[in-house]
Each structure stands twice: as structure tokens, then as C-alpha cells.
């Protein structure tokens, strides 16, 4: 039995992309799964503490924060390099990673952590305050807590794209999703142009280019609406098409305006519209035959 020696403390968990061999993609923060981080350090010191998850990648180094969780259990693993897994059920996940490089305190934070070279380390109280303030200012946070049956509670949402949304809300959702997609491809080194119709983004990187169709929905991943022109363009440019869907978006009224927050991304690249999903007609245009009988009705 381990003691909860980390209560009230905060720790950094750092993912070194080059050393581990792959980018951090948020796989530890999947709804319905326990949050977890592997370590070779004595695990008792982390129990009861808050684990802040950060990755570093590329050169010059870019540091991204993914969220935090409360460590409540330790699992032993048959892994000589990382024999312990620090688990937790409660935490905040950033739907979009937060870049730390532009924060005015990042230099001091790196120095206090020896540039994240020492593995999981306790965070100095000065930087705990900065991280918590960063978390509070990020409207994209979504609390995930255990349900009574041991699973995770998630908002109950429809599964289709905005059938009941007002025109204003649909525009807000679309703008939010396009902004997220634009940021994603810019982070991948693409030059991004917002087009609108018959596709949303043109992304260029040297000789490579992509056409990106972006969809946003308040529902969980299910159906999205495609226009006739969008389908035809996707068929004509199948090798360059990408589908970027932000689902689970929430609309929140704050003191100033209505805003879109949260969500998760589904990315299909390349996207072949007739192979990676099923098209269903929800409307037809019916042309009447010219030789049909004309009926004239007069109302008195």
C-alpha cells in the first residue's frame, strides 16, 4: 500500500519527443480511460499530487502543455525502463495544446526544472501559480470526473451537425472549427489560406498542398453536412483532400458575448469522400414534366 505523500504538491511530467520516439498526441487523456504517466521514480511522492503534462518537440524547442490530473493510484508494470504508472480519474484536458514558449515566465520555469532533464519533478510554488492562472484563462478546459458506475461522465449532446442551431450559432461554430484547423496546419509548417467554398483551407508546404474541408458540431462524432459542391470538389481532388471535424463543441454565454469552447478533433488525411464514410441524401430537387396536366384553382 502506497502513502499519499504528494498531497497539495504539483509535479511536471515531461514527454521528450525525440527520446521517446513519437510526438505526444494526448493518448493518455482519452475520455473513458484513466489518465496515466509512466515513471521510473519512487511513485509514493506523486500520490495525491497534481500532475502537469508537457511535451517538447522540434528545434528550436517548442513546449506544449496538455493539461493536468490528480494522481490517485499506482500501477506496477513489467517494464525495466518505466516500472510504475501514475494514474488518475480527475483532471483538466486542454482540447488544444497550450504553447508555453510565449509565456513571460518560461525561462525561469525551464531553469527551475533543469530544462526538464530530471524526469517527473515537483514544481516551485511560483510557477504553480502561473500554470493555474494559465489554466483558468483557457476557456477550452473541460472537467472529466468519474461517474457512479466507474466510467467517465460526458455531456449529453446530439450526434448531428447543427440542425437546431441558429444561424448565429452555426457561424460561431464554423468560425471556431476553421480557426482550430488553421492553427493545426500552421503548426505542421503549412502556409494556410482560408478559402470558404467549395473547401475551407488551402494548405501549402513547399511542393505539397492540401485542400481541407472543415466541419464543426456540438454533437459527438457522427454525421456532418456536406453540400453538393463540397462533395463534387472532394471527388475531383481526392488525393489532396483532408477532412477536419471538431466535434463536441460547447457554446457558452460569458459576460461579454457568446463563445465556442472545448471539443475534440477527428482528422481524415487523405479523405476519400466515397470510401471513408457514407453519403445520405436529405433533400432532392424535383423537376416536373413539361407535358404534365396543369391544374388551375381559383379561390373566392
C-alpha atoms as a PDB file:
ATOM      1  CA  UNK A   1       0.000   0.000   0.000  1.00  0.00           C
ATOM      2  CA  UNK A   2       1.417   3.359  -1.011  1.00  0.00           C
ATOM      3  CA  UNK A   3       1.114   6.507   1.089  1.00  0.00           C
ATOM      4  CA  UNK A   4      -0.313   9.703  -0.402  1.00  0.00           C
ATOM      5  CA  UNK A   5       2.895  11.683   0.068  1.00  0.00           C
ATOM      6  CA  UNK A   6       2.201  14.187  -2.729  1.00  0.00           C
ATOM      7  CA  UNK A   7      -0.991  15.801  -1.419  1.00  0.00           C
ATOM      8  CA  UNK A   8      -1.012  19.545  -2.046  1.00  0.00           C
ATOM      9  CA  UNK A   9       2.015  19.348  -4.356  1.00  0.00           C
ATOM     10  CA  UNK A  10       2.343  19.856  -8.112  1.00  0.00           C
ATOM     11  CA  UNK A  11       4.620  17.905 -10.445  1.00  0.00           C
ATOM     12  CA  UNK A  12       5.742  18.185 -14.050  1.00  0.00           C
ATOM     13  CA  UNK A  13       5.538  15.160 -16.346  1.00  0.00           C
ATOM     14  CA  UNK A  14       7.613  15.769 -19.454  1.00  0.00           C
ATOM     15  CA  UNK A  15       7.395  13.956 -22.804  1.00  0.00           C
ATOM     16  CA  UNK A  16      10.647  14.226 -24.773  1.00  0.00           C
ATOM     17  CA  UNK A  17       9.561  13.603 -28.356  1.00  0.00           C
ATOM     18  CA  UNK A  18      12.986  12.667 -29.727  1.00  0.00           C
ATOM     19  CA  UNK A  19      13.941  10.443 -26.809  1.00  0.00           C
ATOM     20  CA  UNK A  20      10.640   8.558 -26.717  1.00  0.00           C
ATOM     21  CA  UNK A  21      10.414   8.349 -30.492  1.00  0.00           C
ATOM     22  CA  UNK A  22       6.986   9.823 -31.198  1.00  0.00           C
ATOM     23  CA  UNK A  23       5.044  13.014 -30.620  1.00  0.00           C
ATOM     24  CA  UNK A  24       2.707  13.266 -27.667  1.00  0.00           C
ATOM     25  CA  UNK A  25      -0.833  13.040 -29.077  1.00  0.00           C
ATOM     26  CA  UNK A  26      -2.989  13.138 -25.952  1.00  0.00           C
ATOM     27  CA  UNK A  27      -3.464   9.370 -25.860  1.00  0.00           C
ATOM     28  CA  UNK A  28      -3.270   9.490 -22.062  1.00  0.00           C
ATOM     29  CA  UNK A  29      -6.327  11.742 -21.866  1.00  0.00           C
ATOM     30  CA  UNK A  30      -8.974   9.736 -23.738  1.00  0.00           C
ATOM     31  CA  UNK A  31     -12.499  10.024 -22.254  1.00  0.00           C
ATOM     32  CA  UNK A  32     -13.450   6.721 -20.693  1.00  0.00           C
ATOM     33  CA  UNK A  33      -9.825   5.828 -19.907  1.00  0.00           C
ATOM     34  CA  UNK A  34      -7.798   6.596 -16.798  1.00  0.00           C
ATOM     35  CA  UNK A  35      -5.201   9.315 -17.128  1.00  0.00           C
ATOM     36  CA  UNK A  36      -1.706   7.963 -16.691  1.00  0.00           C
ATOM     37  CA  UNK A  37       2.006   8.692 -16.875  1.00  0.00           C
ATOM     38  CA  UNK A  38       4.922   6.257 -16.682  1.00  0.00           C
ATOM     39  CA  UNK A  39       7.946   6.845 -14.478  1.00  0.00           C
ATOM     40  CA  UNK A  40      10.936   5.060 -13.007  1.00  0.00           C
ATOM     41  CA  UNK A  41      10.987   7.254  -9.891  1.00  0.00           C
ATOM     42  CA  UNK A  42       9.672   6.197  -6.490  1.00  0.00           C
ATOM     43  CA  UNK A  43       5.920   6.613  -7.040  1.00  0.00           C
ATOM     44  CA  UNK A  44       4.722   7.428  -3.499  1.00  0.00           C
ATOM     45  CA  UNK A  45       5.882  11.033  -3.777  1.00  0.00           C
ATOM     46  CA  UNK A  46       3.331  11.724  -6.532  1.00  0.00           C
ATOM     47  CA  UNK A  47       0.201  10.194  -4.974  1.00  0.00           C
ATOM     48  CA  UNK A  48      -2.355  12.873  -4.110  1.00  0.00           C
ATOM     49  CA  UNK A  49      -0.492  15.460  -6.156  1.00  0.00           C
ATOM     50  CA  UNK A  50      -1.415  17.249  -9.350  1.00  0.00           C
ATOM     51  CA  UNK A  51       0.485  16.142 -12.470  1.00  0.00           C
ATOM     52  CA  UNK A  52       1.008  18.782 -15.191  1.00  0.00           C
ATOM     53  CA  UNK A  53       1.728  17.213 -18.578  1.00  0.00           C
ATOM     54  CA  UNK A  54       4.104  18.945 -21.011  1.00  0.00           C
ATOM     55  CA  UNK A  55       5.851  17.860 -24.205  1.00  0.00           C
ATOM     56  CA  UNK A  56       8.878  19.256 -26.018  1.00  0.00           C
ATOM     57  CA  UNK A  57       9.474  18.887 -29.729  1.00  0.00           C
ATOM     58  CA  UNK A  58      11.334  20.271 -32.758  1.00  0.00           C
ATOM     59  CA  UNK A  59      14.274  22.667 -32.916  1.00  0.00           C
ATOM     60  CA  UNK A  60      14.159  25.380 -31.699  1.00  0.00           C
ATOM     61  CA  UNK A  61      12.393  23.699 -28.833  1.00  0.00           C
ATOM     62  CA  UNK A  62       8.639  24.144 -28.582  1.00  0.00           C
ATOM     63  CA  UNK A  63       6.944  23.349 -25.288  1.00  0.00           C
ATOM     64  CA  UNK A  64       3.250  22.395 -25.216  1.00  0.00           C
ATOM     65  CA  UNK A  65       1.045  21.912 -22.145  1.00  0.00           C
ATOM     66  CA  UNK A  66      -1.755  19.354 -22.412  1.00  0.00           C
ATOM     67  CA  UNK A  67      -3.465  19.591 -19.021  1.00  0.00           C
ATOM     68  CA  UNK A  68      -3.257  18.122 -15.549  1.00  0.00           C
ATOM     69  CA  UNK A  69      -4.723  15.314 -13.480  1.00  0.00           C
ATOM     70  CA  UNK A  70      -4.774  14.229  -9.834  1.00  0.00           C
ATOM     71  CA  UNK A  71      -2.683  11.147  -9.082  1.00  0.00           C
ATOM     72  CA  UNK A  72      -4.741   8.667  -7.074  1.00  0.00           C
ATOM     73  CA  UNK A  73      -3.288   5.225  -7.873  1.00  0.00           C
ATOM     74  CA  UNK A  74      -0.069   3.485  -8.834  1.00  0.00           C
ATOM     75  CA  UNK A  75       0.175   0.527 -11.173  1.00  0.00           C
ATOM     76  CA  UNK A  76       3.268  -1.659 -11.412  1.00  0.00           C
ATOM     77  CA  UNK A  77       4.387  -2.524 -14.940  1.00  0.00           C
ATOM     78  CA  UNK A  78       6.690  -5.178 -16.338  1.00  0.00           C
ATOM     79  CA  UNK A  79       8.899  -2.515 -17.902  1.00  0.00           C
ATOM     80  CA  UNK A  80      12.512  -2.130 -16.903  1.00  0.00           C
ATOM     81  CA  UNK A  81      12.694   1.486 -18.043  1.00  0.00           C
ATOM     82  CA  UNK A  82       9.403   2.731 -16.594  1.00  0.00           C
ATOM     83  CA  UNK A  83       8.170   0.247 -13.950  1.00  0.00           C
ATOM     84  CA  UNK A  84       5.425   2.479 -12.471  1.00  0.00           C
ATOM     85  CA  UNK A  85       2.336   4.146 -13.932  1.00  0.00           C
ATOM     86  CA  UNK A  86       0.826   7.111 -12.072  1.00  0.00           C
ATOM     87  CA  UNK A  87      -2.946   7.053 -12.686  1.00  0.00           C
ATOM     88  CA  UNK A  88      -5.866   9.358 -12.016  1.00  0.00           C
ATOM     89  CA  UNK A  89      -9.544   9.870 -12.805  1.00  0.00           C
ATOM     90  CA  UNK A  90      -9.984  13.622 -12.346  1.00  0.00           C
ATOM     91  CA  UNK A  91      -8.305  16.393 -14.299  1.00  0.00           C
ATOM     92  CA  UNK A  92      -8.431  19.100 -16.928  1.00  0.00           C
ATOM     93  CA  UNK A  93      -7.562  18.333 -20.553  1.00  0.00           C
ATOM     94  CA  UNK A  94      -6.711  21.144 -22.941  1.00  0.00           C
ATOM     95  CA  UNK A  95      -8.584  20.353 -26.191  1.00  0.00           C
ATOM     96  CA  UNK A  96      -5.855  22.331 -27.911  1.00  0.00           C
ATOM     97  CA  UNK A  97      -2.295  22.172 -26.510  1.00  0.00           C
ATOM     98  CA  UNK A  98      -1.156  25.456 -24.974  1.00  0.00           C
ATOM     99  CA  UNK A  99       2.238  26.711 -26.181  1.00  0.00           C
ATOM    100  CA  UNK A 100       4.398  27.796 -23.245  1.00  0.00           C
ATOM    101  CA  UNK A 101       7.161  29.482 -25.239  1.00  0.00           C
ATOM    102  CA  UNK A 102       5.424  32.854 -25.282  1.00  0.00           C
ATOM    103  CA  UNK A 103       4.787  32.933 -21.549  1.00  0.00           C
ATOM    104  CA  UNK A 104       6.960  35.562 -19.808  1.00  0.00           C
ATOM    105  CA  UNK A 105       7.870  33.087 -17.065  1.00  0.00           C
ATOM    106  CA  UNK A 106       9.021  30.225 -19.320  1.00  0.00           C
ATOM    107  CA  UNK A 107      12.768  30.933 -18.952  1.00  0.00           C
ATOM    108  CA  UNK A 108      12.609  30.790 -15.168  1.00  0.00           C
ATOM    109  CA  UNK A 109      10.388  27.719 -15.296  1.00  0.00           C
ATOM    110  CA  UNK A 110      12.838  25.871 -17.537  1.00  0.00           C
ATOM    111  CA  UNK A 111      15.727  26.794 -15.267  1.00  0.00           C
ATOM    112  CA  UNK A 112      13.856  25.594 -12.179  1.00  0.00           C
ATOM    113  CA  UNK A 113      13.207  22.269 -13.925  1.00  0.00           C
ATOM    114  CA  UNK A 114      16.739  21.890 -15.328  1.00  0.00           C
ATOM    115  CA  UNK A 115      15.173  22.046 -18.803  1.00  0.00           C
ATOM    116  CA  UNK A 116      13.012  19.031 -17.921  1.00  0.00           C
ATOM    117  CA  UNK A 117      16.080  16.811 -17.854  1.00  0.00           C
ATOM    118  CA  UNK A 118      15.318  15.176 -14.495  1.00  0.00           C
ATOM    119  CA  UNK A 119      12.020  13.467 -15.257  1.00  0.00           C
ATOM    120  CA  UNK A 120       8.989  13.997 -13.030  1.00  0.00           C
ATOM    121  CA  UNK A 121       9.829  16.872 -10.703  1.00  0.00           C
ATOM    122  CA  UNK A 122       7.993  18.983  -8.165  1.00  0.00           C
ATOM    123  CA  UNK A 123       7.054  22.454  -9.409  1.00  0.00           C
ATOM    124  CA  UNK A 124       8.087  25.556  -7.471  1.00  0.00           C
ATOM    125  CA  UNK A 125       5.052  27.386  -5.966  1.00  0.00           C
ATOM    126  CA  UNK A 126       5.768  30.494  -8.071  1.00  0.00           C
ATOM    127  CA  UNK A 127       5.280  28.510 -11.266  1.00  0.00           C
ATOM    128  CA  UNK A 128       2.321  26.576  -9.865  1.00  0.00           C
ATOM    129  CA  UNK A 129       0.524  29.918  -9.644  1.00  0.00           C
ATOM    130  CA  UNK A 130       1.438  30.732 -13.244  1.00  0.00           C
ATOM    131  CA  UNK A 131       0.254  27.356 -14.529  1.00  0.00           C
ATOM    132  CA  UNK A 132      -3.019  27.556 -12.635  1.00  0.00           C
ATOM    133  CA  UNK A 133      -3.638  31.062 -13.950  1.00  0.00           C
ATOM    134  CA  UNK A 134      -2.949  29.772 -17.449  1.00  0.00           C
ATOM    135  CA  UNK A 135      -5.486  27.023 -16.868  1.00  0.00           C
ATOM    136  CA  UNK A 136      -8.120  29.438 -15.596  1.00  0.00           C
ATOM    137  CA  UNK A 137      -7.681  31.713 -18.596  1.00  0.00           C
ATOM    138  CA  UNK A 138      -8.105  28.861 -21.075  1.00  0.00           C
ATOM    139  CA  UNK A 139     -11.803  28.566 -21.821  1.00  0.00           C
ATOM    140  CA  UNK A 140     -11.229  25.290 -23.660  1.00  0.00           C
ATOM    141  CA  UNK A 141     -10.877  23.263 -20.477  1.00  0.00           C
ATOM    142  CA  UNK A 142     -13.344  20.505 -19.758  1.00  0.00           C
ATOM    143  CA  UNK A 143     -13.561  18.759 -16.398  1.00  0.00           C
ATOM    144  CA  UNK A 144     -13.682  14.976 -16.590  1.00  0.00           C
ATOM    145  CA  UNK A 145     -14.869  13.136 -13.473  1.00  0.00           C
ATOM    146  CA  UNK A 146     -15.777   9.538 -12.672  1.00  0.00           C
ATOM    147  CA  UNK A 147     -19.458   8.563 -12.864  1.00  0.00           C
ATOM    148  CA  UNK A 148     -21.218   6.371 -10.334  1.00  0.00           C
ATOM    149  CA  UNK A 149     -20.616   3.270 -12.458  1.00  0.00           C
ATOM    150  CA  UNK A 150     -16.878   3.862 -12.621  1.00  0.00           C
ATOM    151  CA  UNK A 151     -16.817   5.334 -16.114  1.00  0.00           C
ATOM    152  CA  UNK A 152     -16.448   8.949 -17.164  1.00  0.00           C
ATOM    153  CA  UNK A 153     -19.271  11.452 -17.382  1.00  0.00           C
ATOM    154  CA  UNK A 154     -19.549  13.368 -20.638  1.00  0.00           C
ATOM    155  CA  UNK A 155     -22.038  15.990 -21.791  1.00  0.00           C
ATOM    156  CA  UNK A 156     -25.140  14.592 -23.448  1.00  0.00           C
ATOM    157  CA  UNK A 157     -25.185  16.012 -26.967  1.00  0.00           C
ATOM    158  CA  UNK A 158     -26.893  15.287 -30.283  1.00  0.00           C
ATOM    159  CA  UNK A 159     -24.960  13.382 -32.946  1.00  0.00           C
ATOM    160  CA  UNK A 160     -25.711  15.512 -35.990  1.00  0.00           C
ATOM    161  CA  UNK A 161     -24.286  18.777 -37.167  1.00  0.00           C
ATOM    162  CA  UNK A 162     -26.261  21.790 -36.002  1.00  0.00           C
ATOM    163  CA  UNK A 163     -29.801  21.045 -37.263  1.00  0.00           C
ATOM    164  CA  UNK A 164     -31.300  23.038 -34.386  1.00  0.00           C
ATOM    165  CA  UNK A 165     -28.639  25.756 -34.126  1.00  0.00           C
ATOM    166  CA  UNK A 166     -29.489  29.340 -35.004  1.00  0.00           C
ATOM    167  CA  UNK A 167     -27.691  30.980 -37.964  1.00  0.00           C
ATOM    168  CA  UNK A 168     -25.586  32.969 -35.489  1.00  0.00           C
ATOM    169  CA  UNK A 169     -24.599  29.845 -33.563  1.00  0.00           C
ATOM    170  CA  UNK A 170     -23.778  27.953 -36.770  1.00  0.00           C
ATOM    171  CA  UNK A 171     -21.495  30.786 -37.855  1.00  0.00           C
ATOM    172  CA  UNK A 172     -19.807  30.812 -34.445  1.00  0.00           C
ATOM    173  CA  UNK A 173     -19.261  27.039 -34.527  1.00  0.00           C
ATOM    174  CA  UNK A 174     -17.909  27.159 -38.085  1.00  0.00           C
ATOM    175  CA  UNK A 175     -15.509  30.011 -37.310  1.00  0.00           C
ATOM    176  CA  UNK A 176     -14.252  28.204 -34.210  1.00  0.00           C
ATOM    177  CA  UNK A 177     -13.620  24.969 -36.116  1.00  0.00           C
ATOM    178  CA  UNK A 178     -11.888  26.739 -39.027  1.00  0.00           C
ATOM    179  CA  UNK A 179      -9.638  28.636 -36.600  1.00  0.00           C
ATOM    180  CA  UNK A 180      -8.637  25.393 -34.904  1.00  0.00           C
ATOM    181  CA  UNK A 181      -7.898  23.716 -38.245  1.00  0.00           C
ATOM    182  CA  UNK A 182      -5.885  26.709 -39.462  1.00  0.00           C
ATOM    183  CA  UNK A 183      -3.767  26.664 -36.318  1.00  0.00           C
ATOM    184  CA  UNK A 184      -3.235  22.899 -36.616  1.00  0.00           C
ATOM    185  CA  UNK A 185      -1.850  23.042 -40.161  1.00  0.00           C
ATOM    186  CA  UNK A 186       0.242  26.137 -39.465  1.00  0.00           C
ATOM    187  CA  UNK A 187       1.847  24.185 -36.610  1.00  0.00           C
ATOM    188  CA  UNK A 188       2.704  21.496 -39.190  1.00  0.00           C
ATOM    189  CA  UNK A 189       4.594  24.076 -41.266  1.00  0.00           C
ATOM    190  CA  UNK A 190       1.924  24.801 -43.877  1.00  0.00           C
ATOM    191  CA  UNK A 191       1.062  28.208 -45.252  1.00  0.00           C
ATOM    192  CA  UNK A 192      -2.708  28.350 -44.806  1.00  0.00           C
ATOM    193  CA  UNK A 193      -5.213  30.320 -46.869  1.00  0.00           C
ATOM    194  CA  UNK A 194      -8.854  30.499 -45.783  1.00  0.00           C
ATOM    195  CA  UNK A 195     -10.966  29.960 -48.928  1.00  0.00           C
ATOM    196  CA  UNK A 196     -14.509  29.146 -47.803  1.00  0.00           C
ATOM    197  CA  UNK A 197     -16.087  27.447 -50.856  1.00  0.00           C
ATOM    198  CA  UNK A 198     -16.002  24.758 -52.178  1.00  0.00           C
ATOM    199  CA  UNK A 199     -13.460  23.899 -49.477  1.00  0.00           C
ATOM    200  CA  UNK A 200     -12.300  25.764 -46.372  1.00  0.00           C
ATOM    201  CA  UNK A 201      -8.486  25.824 -46.312  1.00  0.00           C
ATOM    202  CA  UNK A 202      -5.730  25.630 -48.904  1.00  0.00           C
ATOM    203  CA  UNK A 203      -2.545  24.454 -47.178  1.00  0.00           C
ATOM    204  CA  UNK A 204       0.844  24.662 -48.905  1.00  0.00           C
ATOM    205  CA  UNK A 205       4.215  23.387 -47.717  1.00  0.00           C
ATOM    206  CA  UNK A 206       6.949  23.554 -50.376  1.00  0.00           C
ATOM    207  CA  UNK A 207       5.653  21.317 -53.202  1.00  0.00           C
ATOM    208  CA  UNK A 208       2.942  19.722 -51.038  1.00  0.00           C
ATOM    209  CA  UNK A 209      -0.582  21.068 -50.895  1.00  0.00           C
ATOM    210  CA  UNK A 210      -3.857  20.021 -49.298  1.00  0.00           C
ATOM    211  CA  UNK A 211      -7.495  21.060 -49.597  1.00  0.00           C
ATOM    212  CA  UNK A 212      -9.126  20.927 -46.176  1.00  0.00           C
ATOM    213  CA  UNK A 213     -12.844  20.622 -45.562  1.00  0.00           C
ATOM    214  CA  UNK A 214     -13.639  21.774 -42.018  1.00  0.00           C
ATOM    215  CA  UNK A 215     -16.761  20.897 -40.064  1.00  0.00           C
ATOM    216  CA  UNK A 216     -17.807  21.863 -36.550  1.00  0.00           C
ATOM    217  CA  UNK A 217     -20.561  20.302 -34.468  1.00  0.00           C
ATOM    218  CA  UNK A 218     -21.904  20.465 -30.937  1.00  0.00           C
ATOM    219  CA  UNK A 219     -22.699  16.781 -31.201  1.00  0.00           C
ATOM    220  CA  UNK A 220     -20.437  13.828 -30.686  1.00  0.00           C
ATOM    221  CA  UNK A 221     -18.685  12.377 -33.703  1.00  0.00           C
ATOM    222  CA  UNK A 222     -21.377  11.121 -36.060  1.00  0.00           C
ATOM    223  CA  UNK A 223     -22.744  12.988 -39.066  1.00  0.00           C
ATOM    224  CA  UNK A 224     -21.800  16.261 -40.754  1.00  0.00           C
ATOM    225  CA  UNK A 225     -23.479  18.158 -43.573  1.00  0.00           C
ATOM    226  CA  UNK A 226     -21.805  18.302 -46.999  1.00  0.00           C
ATOM    227  CA  UNK A 227     -23.100  20.415 -49.862  1.00  0.00           C
ATOM    228  CA  UNK A 228     -23.304  19.183 -53.444  1.00  0.00           C
ATOM    229  CA  UNK A 229     -20.351  21.402 -54.427  1.00  0.00           C
ATOM    230  CA  UNK A 230     -18.250  20.165 -51.499  1.00  0.00           C
ATOM    231  CA  UNK A 231     -18.845  16.539 -52.485  1.00  0.00           C
ATOM    232  CA  UNK A 232     -18.062  17.165 -56.147  1.00  0.00           C
ATOM    233  CA  UNK A 233     -14.853  19.043 -55.325  1.00  0.00           C
ATOM    234  CA  UNK A 234     -13.776  16.306 -52.894  1.00  0.00           C
ATOM    235  CA  UNK A 235     -14.312  13.672 -55.593  1.00  0.00           C
ATOM    236  CA  UNK A 236     -12.311  15.643 -58.145  1.00  0.00           C
ATOM    237  CA  UNK A 237      -9.383  16.209 -55.729  1.00  0.00           C
ATOM    238  CA  UNK A 238      -9.431  13.001 -53.710  1.00  0.00           C
ATOM    239  CA  UNK A 239      -5.651  12.659 -53.359  1.00  0.00           C
ATOM    240  CA  UNK A 240      -5.283  16.147 -51.834  1.00  0.00           C
ATOM    241  CA  UNK A 241      -8.424  16.254 -49.673  1.00  0.00           C
ATOM    242  CA  UNK A 242      -8.439  16.327 -45.872  1.00  0.00           C
ATOM    243  CA  UNK A 243     -11.475  16.234 -43.565  1.00  0.00           C
ATOM    244  CA  UNK A 244     -11.068  18.095 -40.245  1.00  0.00           C
ATOM    245  CA  UNK A 245     -14.033  17.762 -37.853  1.00  0.00           C
ATOM    246  CA  UNK A 246     -14.241  19.488 -34.464  1.00  0.00           C
ATOM    247  CA  UNK A 247     -16.988  17.725 -32.505  1.00  0.00           C
ATOM    248  CA  UNK A 248     -18.344  18.186 -29.001  1.00  0.00           C
ATOM    249  CA  UNK A 249     -18.108  21.992 -29.188  1.00  0.00           C
ATOM    250  CA  UNK A 250     -19.895  23.836 -26.392  1.00  0.00           C
ATOM    251  CA  UNK A 251     -21.468  27.304 -26.656  1.00  0.00           C
ATOM    252  CA  UNK A 252     -21.117  29.415 -23.518  1.00  0.00           C
ATOM    253  CA  UNK A 253     -22.517  32.846 -22.679  1.00  0.00           C
ATOM    254  CA  UNK A 254     -19.976  34.906 -20.749  1.00  0.00           C
ATOM    255  CA  UNK A 255     -20.251  38.496 -19.553  1.00  0.00           C
ATOM    256  CA  UNK A 256     -19.378  39.900 -22.975  1.00  0.00           C
ATOM    257  CA  UNK A 257     -20.558  37.562 -25.706  1.00  0.00           C
ATOM    258  CA  UNK A 258     -21.468  34.020 -26.677  1.00  0.00           C
ATOM    259  CA  UNK A 259     -18.332  31.949 -27.295  1.00  0.00           C
ATOM    260  CA  UNK A 260     -17.474  28.476 -28.542  1.00  0.00           C
ATOM    261  CA  UNK A 261     -15.236  26.342 -26.324  1.00  0.00           C
ATOM    262  CA  UNK A 262     -13.974  22.788 -25.988  1.00  0.00           C
ATOM    263  CA  UNK A 263     -14.304  19.985 -28.478  1.00  0.00           C
ATOM    264  CA  UNK A 264     -12.204  17.191 -29.929  1.00  0.00           C
ATOM    265  CA  UNK A 265     -10.722  16.728 -33.388  1.00  0.00           C
ATOM    266  CA  UNK A 266     -11.315  13.963 -35.915  1.00  0.00           C
ATOM    267  CA  UNK A 267      -8.815  14.116 -38.794  1.00  0.00           C
ATOM    268  CA  UNK A 268      -9.067  12.072 -42.012  1.00  0.00           C
ATOM    269  CA  UNK A 269      -5.990  12.563 -44.210  1.00  0.00           C
ATOM    270  CA  UNK A 270      -6.265  11.777 -47.059  1.00  0.00           C
ATOM    271  CA  UNK A 271     -10.039  11.908 -47.265  1.00  0.00           C
ATOM    272  CA  UNK A 272     -11.841   9.967 -49.987  1.00  0.00           C
ATOM    273  CA  UNK A 273     -15.457  11.001 -49.573  1.00  0.00           C
ATOM    274  CA  UNK A 274     -16.956   7.829 -51.044  1.00  0.00           C
ATOM    275  CA  UNK A 275     -14.669   5.440 -49.129  1.00  0.00           C
ATOM    276  CA  UNK A 276     -14.296   6.925 -45.641  1.00  0.00           C
ATOM    277  CA  UNK A 277     -17.978   7.430 -44.906  1.00  0.00           C
ATOM    278  CA  UNK A 278     -21.491   7.036 -46.240  1.00  0.00           C
ATOM    279  CA  UNK A 279     -23.351   9.765 -48.105  1.00  0.00           C
ATOM    280  CA  UNK A 280     -27.070  10.018 -47.380  1.00  0.00           C
ATOM    281  CA  UNK A 281     -29.359  12.348 -49.325  1.00  0.00           C
ATOM    282  CA  UNK A 282     -31.508  14.521 -47.071  1.00  0.00           C
ATOM    283  CA  UNK A 283     -33.050  16.658 -49.820  1.00  0.00           C
ATOM    284  CA  UNK A 284     -33.945  16.284 -53.522  1.00  0.00           C
ATOM    285  CA  UNK A 285     -34.733  18.779 -56.278  1.00  0.00           C
ATOM    286  CA  UNK A 286     -37.760  17.511 -58.238  1.00  0.00           C
ATOM    287  CA  UNK A 287     -38.281  18.817 -61.784  1.00  0.00           C
ATOM    288  CA  UNK A 288     -41.834  18.447 -63.070  1.00  0.00           C
ATOM    289  CA  UNK A 289     -42.500  17.017 -66.508  1.00  0.00           C
ATOM    290  CA  UNK A 290     -43.431  19.687 -69.063  1.00  0.00           C
ATOM    291  CA  UNK A 291     -46.263  17.570 -70.525  1.00  0.00           C
ATOM    292  CA  UNK A 292     -47.967  17.145 -67.201  1.00  0.00           C
ATOM    293  CA  UNK A 293     -51.515  18.349 -66.707  1.00  0.00           C
ATOM    294  CA  UNK A 294     -51.790  21.892 -65.413  1.00  0.00           C
ATOM    295  CA  UNK A 295     -54.437  22.385 -62.754  1.00  0.00           C
ATOM    296  CA  UNK A 296     -55.603  25.918 -62.046  1.00  0.00           C
ATOM    297  CA  UNK A 297     -57.505  26.545 -58.858  1.00  0.00           C
ATOM    298  CA  UNK A 298     -59.214  29.845 -58.185  1.00  0.00           C
ATOM    299  CA  UNK A 299     -60.050  30.903 -54.663  1.00  0.00           C
ATOM    300  CA  UNK A 300     -63.036  33.161 -53.948  1.00  0.00           C
END
